[in-house]
C-alpha atoms as a PDB file:
ATOM      1  CA  MET A   1      70.709  12.651  -6.222  1.00  0.00           C
ATOM      2  CA  ASN A   2      70.981  10.574  -9.427  1.00  0.00           C
ATOM      3  CA  ARG A   3      74.510   9.585  -8.441  1.00  0.00           C
ATOM      4  CA  ILE A   4      73.272   8.264  -5.086  1.00  0.00           C
ATOM      5  CA  ILE A   5      70.534   6.239  -6.788  1.00  0.00           C
ATOM      6  CA  GLU A   6      73.050   4.927  -9.317  1.00  0.00           C
ATOM      7  CA  LYS A   7      75.495   3.848  -6.564  1.00  0.00           C
ATOM      8  CA  GLY A   8      72.627   2.298  -4.600  1.00  0.00           C
ATOM      9  CA  THR A   9      71.514   0.345  -7.664  1.00  0.00           C
ATOM     10  CA  TYR A  10      75.049  -0.967  -8.252  1.00  0.00           C
ATOM     11  CA  PHE A  11      75.306  -1.929  -4.593  1.00  0.00           C
ATOM     12  CA  ILE A  12      72.030  -3.900  -4.736  1.00  0.00           C
ATOM     13  CA  ILE A  13      73.105  -5.659  -7.949  1.00  0.00           C
ATOM     14  CA  ILE A  14      76.459  -6.663  -6.433  1.00  0.00           C
ATOM     15  CA  ILE A  15      74.816  -7.953  -3.245  1.00  0.00           C
ATOM     16  CA  THR A  16      72.280  -9.943  -5.296  1.00  0.00           C
ATOM     17  CA  LEU A  17      75.010 -11.493  -7.448  1.00  0.00           C
ATOM     18  CA  LEU A  18      77.051 -12.444  -4.400  1.00  0.00           C
ATOM     19  CA  ALA A  19      74.013 -13.934  -2.669  1.00  0.00           C
ATOM     20  CA  CYS A  20      73.129 -16.026  -5.727  1.00  0.00           C
ATOM     21  CA  ASN A  21      76.695 -17.212  -6.016  1.00  0.00           C
ATOM     22  CA  THR A  22      76.736 -18.650  -2.477  1.00  0.00           C
ATOM     23  CA  ASN A  23      74.325 -21.411  -3.551  1.00  0.00           C
ATOM     24  CA  LYS A  24      77.166 -23.068  -5.436  1.00  0.00           C
ATOM     25  CA  VAL A  25      80.333 -24.824  -4.369  1.00  0.00           C
ATOM     26  CA  ILE A  26      83.208 -25.829  -6.652  1.00  0.00           C
ATOM     27  CA  ILE A  27      84.386 -29.412  -6.074  1.00  0.00           C
ATOM     28  CA  ASN A  28      87.112 -30.831  -8.322  1.00  0.00           C
ATOM     29  CA  ASP A  29      86.310 -28.307 -11.063  1.00  0.00           C
ATOM     30  CA  THR A  30      82.580 -29.136 -10.859  1.00  0.00           C
ATOM     31  CA  GLU A  31      80.074 -26.461  -9.882  1.00  0.00           C
ATOM     32  CA  VAL A  32      77.602 -27.969  -7.405  1.00  0.00           C
ATOM     33  CA  ASN A  33      74.263 -26.425  -6.466  1.00  0.00           C
ATOM     34  CA  THR A  34      73.957 -26.883  -2.686  1.00  0.00           C
ATOM     35  CA  TYR A  35      70.584 -25.341  -1.849  1.00  0.00           C
ATOM     36  CA  PRO A  36      66.962 -26.424  -2.470  1.00  0.00           C
ATOM     37  CA  ASN A  37      66.342 -23.738  -5.072  1.00  0.00           C
ATOM     38  CA  PRO A  38      64.392 -24.155  -8.364  1.00  0.00           C
ATOM     39  CA  LYS A  39      67.393 -25.793 -10.075  1.00  0.00           C
ATOM     40  CA  TYR A  40      67.638 -28.363  -7.280  1.00  0.00           C
ATOM     41  CA  LYS A  41      63.890 -28.993  -7.269  1.00  0.00           C
ATOM     42  CA  LYS A  42      64.029 -29.652 -11.015  1.00  0.00           C
ATOM     43  CA  SER A  43      66.624 -32.393 -10.378  1.00  0.00           C
ATOM     44  CA  ARG A  44      64.244 -34.256  -8.041  1.00  0.00           C
ATOM     45  CA  LYS A  45      62.399 -36.864 -10.078  1.00  0.00           C
ATOM     46  CA  ALA A  46      60.435 -40.019  -9.410  1.00  0.00           C
ATOM     47  CA  TYR A  47      59.359 -43.000 -11.481  1.00  0.00           C
ATOM     48  CA  SER A  48      57.122 -45.913 -10.612  1.00  0.00           C
ATOM     49  CA  GLY A  49      55.595 -48.925 -12.270  1.00  0.00           C
ATOM     50  CA  THR A  50      55.213 -52.672 -12.103  1.00  0.00           C
ATOM     51  CA  LEU A  51      57.452 -55.331 -13.615  1.00  0.00           C
ATOM     52  CA  ASN A  52      55.946 -58.579 -14.852  1.00  0.00           C
ATOM     53  CA  LYS A  53      57.194 -61.858 -13.337  1.00  0.00           C
ATOM     54  CA  THR A  54      59.878 -62.407 -16.000  1.00  0.00           C
ATOM     55  CA  GLU A  55      61.196 -58.829 -15.758  1.00  0.00           C
ATOM     56  CA  TYR A  56      61.176 -59.031 -11.961  1.00  0.00           C
ATOM     57  CA  ASP A  57      63.089 -62.332 -11.922  1.00  0.00           C
ATOM     58  CA  GLU A  58      65.687 -60.992 -14.383  1.00  0.00           C
ATOM     59  CA  LEU A  59      66.194 -57.827 -12.345  1.00  0.00           C
ATOM     60  CA  ILE A  60      66.546 -59.768  -9.088  1.00  0.00           C
ATOM     61  CA  LYS A  61      69.217 -62.015 -10.643  1.00  0.00           C
ATOM     62  CA  LYS A  62      71.183 -58.970 -11.836  1.00  0.00           C
ATOM     63  CA  LEU A  63      70.867 -57.241  -8.455  1.00  0.00           C
ATOM     64  CA  GLU A  64      72.021 -60.381  -6.646  1.00  0.00           C
ATOM     65  CA  VAL A  65      75.128 -60.538  -8.842  1.00  0.00           C
ATOM     66  CA  GLU A  66      75.924 -56.842  -8.343  1.00  0.00           C
ATOM     67  CA  LEU A  67      75.277 -56.860  -4.607  1.00  0.00           C
ATOM     68  CA  LYS A  68      76.899 -60.289  -4.124  1.00  0.00           C
ATOM     69  CA  THR A  69      73.984 -61.714  -2.173  1.00  0.00           C
ATOM     70  CA  THR A  70      70.845 -63.802  -2.461  1.00  0.00           C
ATOM     71  CA  PHE A  71      67.567 -62.090  -1.627  1.00  0.00           C
ATOM     72  CA  PRO A  72      64.879 -63.751   0.481  1.00  0.00           C
ATOM     73  CA  THR A  73      61.838 -64.239  -1.780  1.00  0.00           C
ATOM     74  CA  ASN A  74      59.480 -62.578   0.708  1.00  0.00           C
ATOM     75  CA  LYS A  75      61.337 -59.268   1.131  1.00  0.00           C
ATOM     76  CA  SER A  76      61.261 -55.996  -0.754  1.00  0.00           C
ATOM     77  CA  ILE A  77      64.580 -54.410  -1.705  1.00  0.00           C
ATOM     78  CA  LEU A  78      65.620 -50.819  -0.934  1.00  0.00           C
ATOM     79  CA  ILE A  79      68.756 -49.507  -2.617  1.00  0.00           C
ATOM     80  CA  ASN A  80      70.068 -46.150  -1.380  1.00  0.00           C
ATOM     81  CA  TYR A  81      72.316 -44.552  -3.998  1.00  0.00           C
ATOM     82  CA  ASN A  82      74.935 -41.787  -4.160  1.00  0.00           C
ATOM     83  CA  GLN A  83      76.687 -40.369  -7.211  1.00  0.00           C
ATOM     84  CA  LYS A  84      78.533 -37.269  -8.348  1.00  0.00           C
ATOM     85  CA  ALA A  85      75.979 -34.801  -9.729  1.00  0.00           C
ATOM     86  CA  PRO A  86      75.488 -31.033 -10.146  1.00  0.00           C
ATOM     87  CA  ASN A  87      72.811 -30.855  -7.409  1.00  0.00           C
ATOM     88  CA  CYS A  88      73.832 -31.966  -3.930  1.00  0.00           C
ATOM     89  CA  ILE A  89      72.774 -30.209  -0.744  1.00  0.00           C
ATOM     90  CA  GLY A  90      74.952 -32.426   1.445  1.00  0.00           C
ATOM     91  CA  VAL A  91      78.303 -31.275   0.068  1.00  0.00           C
ATOM     92  CA  ARG A  92      78.059 -27.932   1.831  1.00  0.00           C
ATOM     93  CA  PHE A  93      78.237 -29.558   5.279  1.00  0.00           C
ATOM     94  CA  SER A  94      81.339 -30.204   7.382  1.00  0.00           C
ATOM     95  CA  GLU A  95      83.015 -33.630   7.403  1.00  0.00           C
ATOM     96  CA  LYS A  96      81.587 -34.313  10.865  1.00  0.00           C
ATOM     97  CA  GLU A  97      78.069 -33.472   9.670  1.00  0.00           C
ATOM     98  CA  LYS A  98      78.496 -35.626   6.543  1.00  0.00           C
ATOM     99  CA  LYS A  99      79.470 -38.623   8.707  1.00  0.00           C
ATOM    100  CA  GLN A 100      76.493 -37.975  10.949  1.00  0.00           C
ATOM    101  CA  ILE A 101      74.192 -37.791   7.904  1.00  0.00           C
ATOM    102  CA  ALA A 102      75.571 -41.096   6.578  1.00  0.00           C
ATOM    103  CA  ASN A 103      75.007 -42.764   9.962  1.00  0.00           C
ATOM    104  CA  ASN A 104      71.485 -41.320  10.182  1.00  0.00           C
ATOM    105  CA  ARG A 105      70.680 -42.636   6.696  1.00  0.00           C
ATOM    106  CA  ILE A 106      71.802 -46.123   7.733  1.00  0.00           C
ATOM    107  CA  ARG A 107      69.772 -45.976  10.939  1.00  0.00           C
ATOM    108  CA  ILE A 108      66.596 -44.671   9.250  1.00  0.00           C
ATOM    109  CA  SER A 109      66.874 -47.049   6.296  1.00  0.00           C
ATOM    110  CA  SER A 110      67.416 -49.995   8.641  1.00  0.00           C
ATOM    111  CA  ARG A 111      64.387 -49.047  10.728  1.00  0.00           C
ATOM    112  CA  MET A 112      62.190 -48.641   7.646  1.00  0.00           C
ATOM    113  CA  SER A 113      63.408 -51.924   6.208  1.00  0.00           C
ATOM    114  CA  SER A 114      62.540 -53.641   9.463  1.00  0.00           C
ATOM    115  CA  ASN A 115      59.106 -51.987   9.582  1.00  0.00           C
ATOM    116  CA  TYR A 116      58.240 -52.812   5.956  1.00  0.00           C
ATOM    117  CA  ASN A 117      59.798 -56.277   5.528  1.00  0.00           C
ATOM    118  CA  ALA A 118      62.622 -55.139   3.269  1.00  0.00           C
ATOM    119  CA  ILE A 119      66.374 -55.412   3.019  1.00  0.00           C
ATOM    120  CA  ASP A 120      68.427 -52.322   2.360  1.00  0.00           C
ATOM    121  CA  PHE A 121      71.681 -51.567   0.601  1.00  0.00           C
ATOM    122  CA  PHE A 122      73.859 -48.493   0.184  1.00  0.00           C
ATOM    123  CA  VAL A 123      75.655 -48.074  -3.136  1.00  0.00           C
ATOM    124  CA  TYR A 124      77.930 -45.219  -4.218  1.00  0.00           C
ATOM    125  CA  THR A 125      79.883 -44.391  -7.354  1.00  0.00           C
ATOM    126  CA  GLU A 126      83.670 -44.224  -7.410  1.00  0.00           C
ATOM    127  CA  ASP A 127      83.495 -40.436  -7.898  1.00  0.00           C
ATOM    128  CA  SER A 128      80.781 -39.808  -5.297  1.00  0.00           C
ATOM    129  CA  TYR A 129      81.355 -36.668  -3.206  1.00  0.00           C
ATOM    130  CA  ASN A 130      81.533 -38.482   0.134  1.00  0.00           C
ATOM    131  CA  LYS A 131      83.514 -41.459  -1.118  1.00  0.00           C
ATOM    132  CA  GLU A 132      86.071 -41.187   1.711  1.00  0.00           C
ATOM    133  CA  ILE A 133      83.298 -41.491   4.291  1.00  0.00           C
ATOM    134  CA  TYR A 134      81.496 -44.342   2.518  1.00  0.00           C
ATOM    135  CA  GLU A 135      84.727 -46.326   2.101  1.00  0.00           C
ATOM    136  CA  GLN A 136      85.055 -46.454   5.889  1.00  0.00           C
ATOM    137  CA  MET A 137      81.536 -47.819   6.422  1.00  0.00           C
ATOM    138  CA  ASN A 138      80.806 -51.530   5.917  1.00  0.00           C
ATOM    139  CA  GLU A 139      77.231 -50.816   4.827  1.00  0.00           C
ATOM    140  CA  PHE A 140      78.352 -49.021   1.647  1.00  0.00           C
ATOM    141  CA  ILE A 141      79.189 -50.839  -1.590  1.00  0.00           C
ATOM    142  CA  THR A 142      81.071 -49.303  -4.522  1.00  0.00           C
ATOM    143  CA  ASP A 143      79.069 -49.340  -7.759  1.00  0.00           C
ATOM    144  CA  SER A 144      80.723 -51.373 -10.528  1.00  0.00           C
ATOM    145  CA  GLY A 145      78.951 -49.100 -13.007  1.00  0.00           C
ATOM    146  CA  PHE A 146      75.859 -51.310 -13.186  1.00  0.00           C
ATOM    147  CA  PHE A 147      73.658 -49.058 -11.050  1.00  0.00           C
ATOM    148  CA  TYR A 148      74.932 -45.876 -12.725  1.00  0.00           C
ATOM    149  CA  ASP A 149      74.294 -47.238 -16.237  1.00  0.00           C
ATOM    150  CA  THR A 150      71.223 -49.402 -15.635  1.00  0.00           C
ATOM    151  CA  VAL A 151      69.214 -48.358 -12.587  1.00  0.00           C
ATOM    152  CA  PHE A 152      70.076 -44.723 -11.792  1.00  0.00           C
ATOM    153  CA  THR A 153      70.406 -43.432 -15.346  1.00  0.00           C
ATOM    154  CA  GLU A 154      69.803 -39.757 -14.586  1.00  0.00           C
ATOM    155  CA  HIS A 155      72.759 -37.887 -13.169  1.00  0.00           C
ATOM    156  CA  GLN A 156      71.442 -34.497 -12.029  1.00  0.00           C
ATOM    157  CA  ASN A 157      71.055 -35.252  -8.298  1.00  0.00           C
ATOM    158  CA  CYS A 158      73.659 -36.866  -6.051  1.00  0.00           C
ATOM    159  CA  SER A 159      71.266 -39.058  -4.114  1.00  0.00           C
ATOM    160  CA  GLY A 160      68.329 -41.340  -4.645  1.00  0.00           C
ATOM    161  CA  PHE A 161      66.756 -44.686  -3.969  1.00  0.00           C
ATOM    162  CA  PHE A 162      65.159 -47.626  -5.743  1.00  0.00           C
ATOM    163  CA  ILE A 163      62.581 -49.946  -4.181  1.00  0.00           C
ATOM    164  CA  ILE A 164      61.276 -53.139  -5.721  1.00  0.00           C
ATOM    165  CA  LYS A 165      58.498 -55.028  -3.951  1.00  0.00           C
ATOM    166  CA  THR A 166      58.012 -58.781  -4.295  1.00  0.00           C
ATOM    167  CA  ASN A 167      54.928 -58.200  -6.475  1.00  0.00           C
ATOM    168  CA  GLY A 168      57.057 -56.324  -9.044  1.00  0.00           C
ATOM    169  CA  GLU A 169      55.992 -52.803  -8.050  1.00  0.00           C
ATOM    170  CA  PHE A 170      58.931 -50.407  -8.107  1.00  0.00           C
ATOM    171  CA  TYR A 171      59.669 -46.811  -7.246  1.00  0.00           C
ATOM    172  CA  LYS A 172      62.786 -44.843  -8.166  1.00  0.00           C
ATOM    173  CA  HIS A 173      63.446 -41.399  -6.721  1.00  0.00           C
ATOM    174  CA  TYR A 174      66.228 -38.864  -7.293  1.00  0.00           C
ATOM    175  CA  GLY A 175      66.829 -36.368  -4.484  1.00  0.00           C
ATOM    176  CA  GLU A 176      68.146 -36.139  -0.935  1.00  0.00           C
ATOM    177  CA  ASP A 177      66.135 -36.464   2.279  1.00  0.00           C
ATOM    178  CA  TYR A 178      63.736 -38.921   0.722  1.00  0.00           C
ATOM    179  CA  TYR A 179      62.532 -41.154   3.535  1.00  0.00           C
ATOM    180  CA  SER A 180      58.993 -39.750   3.505  1.00  0.00           C
ATOM    181  CA  GLU A 181      58.748 -41.006  -0.113  1.00  0.00           C
ATOM    182  CA  VAL A 182      60.083 -44.424   0.947  1.00  0.00           C
ATOM    183  CA  LYS A 183      57.467 -44.659   3.685  1.00  0.00           C
ATOM    184  CA  ALA A 184      54.648 -43.549   1.372  1.00  0.00           C
ATOM    185  CA  PHE A 185      55.576 -46.156  -1.250  1.00  0.00           C
ATOM    186  CA  PHE A 186      55.781 -48.985   1.273  1.00  0.00           C
ATOM    187  CA  GLU A 187      52.423 -48.006   2.773  1.00  0.00           C
ATOM    188  CA  LYS A 188      50.704 -47.656  -0.611  1.00  0.00           C
ATOM    189  CA  LYS A 189      48.087 -50.357  -1.169  1.00  0.00           C
END
């Protein structure tokens, strides 16, 4: 009887270890957490505040240089960002699904920008997981390192966004599937 219990215990331990291991994928020697478990939730962070007029003007000038554009003075700016990081739900999907997700992000971001008087951009790092997909899409811009070093300075989640309103209010969020946070920030009075 003890032998049966012992074998059963080993079996349960092995199954548990295998189940826990399926939350991770190895990509280019990097272990990536691909499920919304406690480790992933810990990587989701948000920051908000308000820049004064001088800080706002300086930031806008830097963003215009990096994004090679001039912003209308009456529009908010939404920057969608992708980087290589140890937490990334999207890497577990097929190539077809990843392309569909990228197209959906563009569509949703465009709609929200239209609804909330903003302009949107998509920026990705050179080592981003879906680089091959982003390179084929005109909406995506390769980060020179400015956004990685200056704006998105935490590197635990592969996705995020930054919004700056014309009054200097900003919101930065790390995590995937974030459009409810975008909407809430734009609607905040």
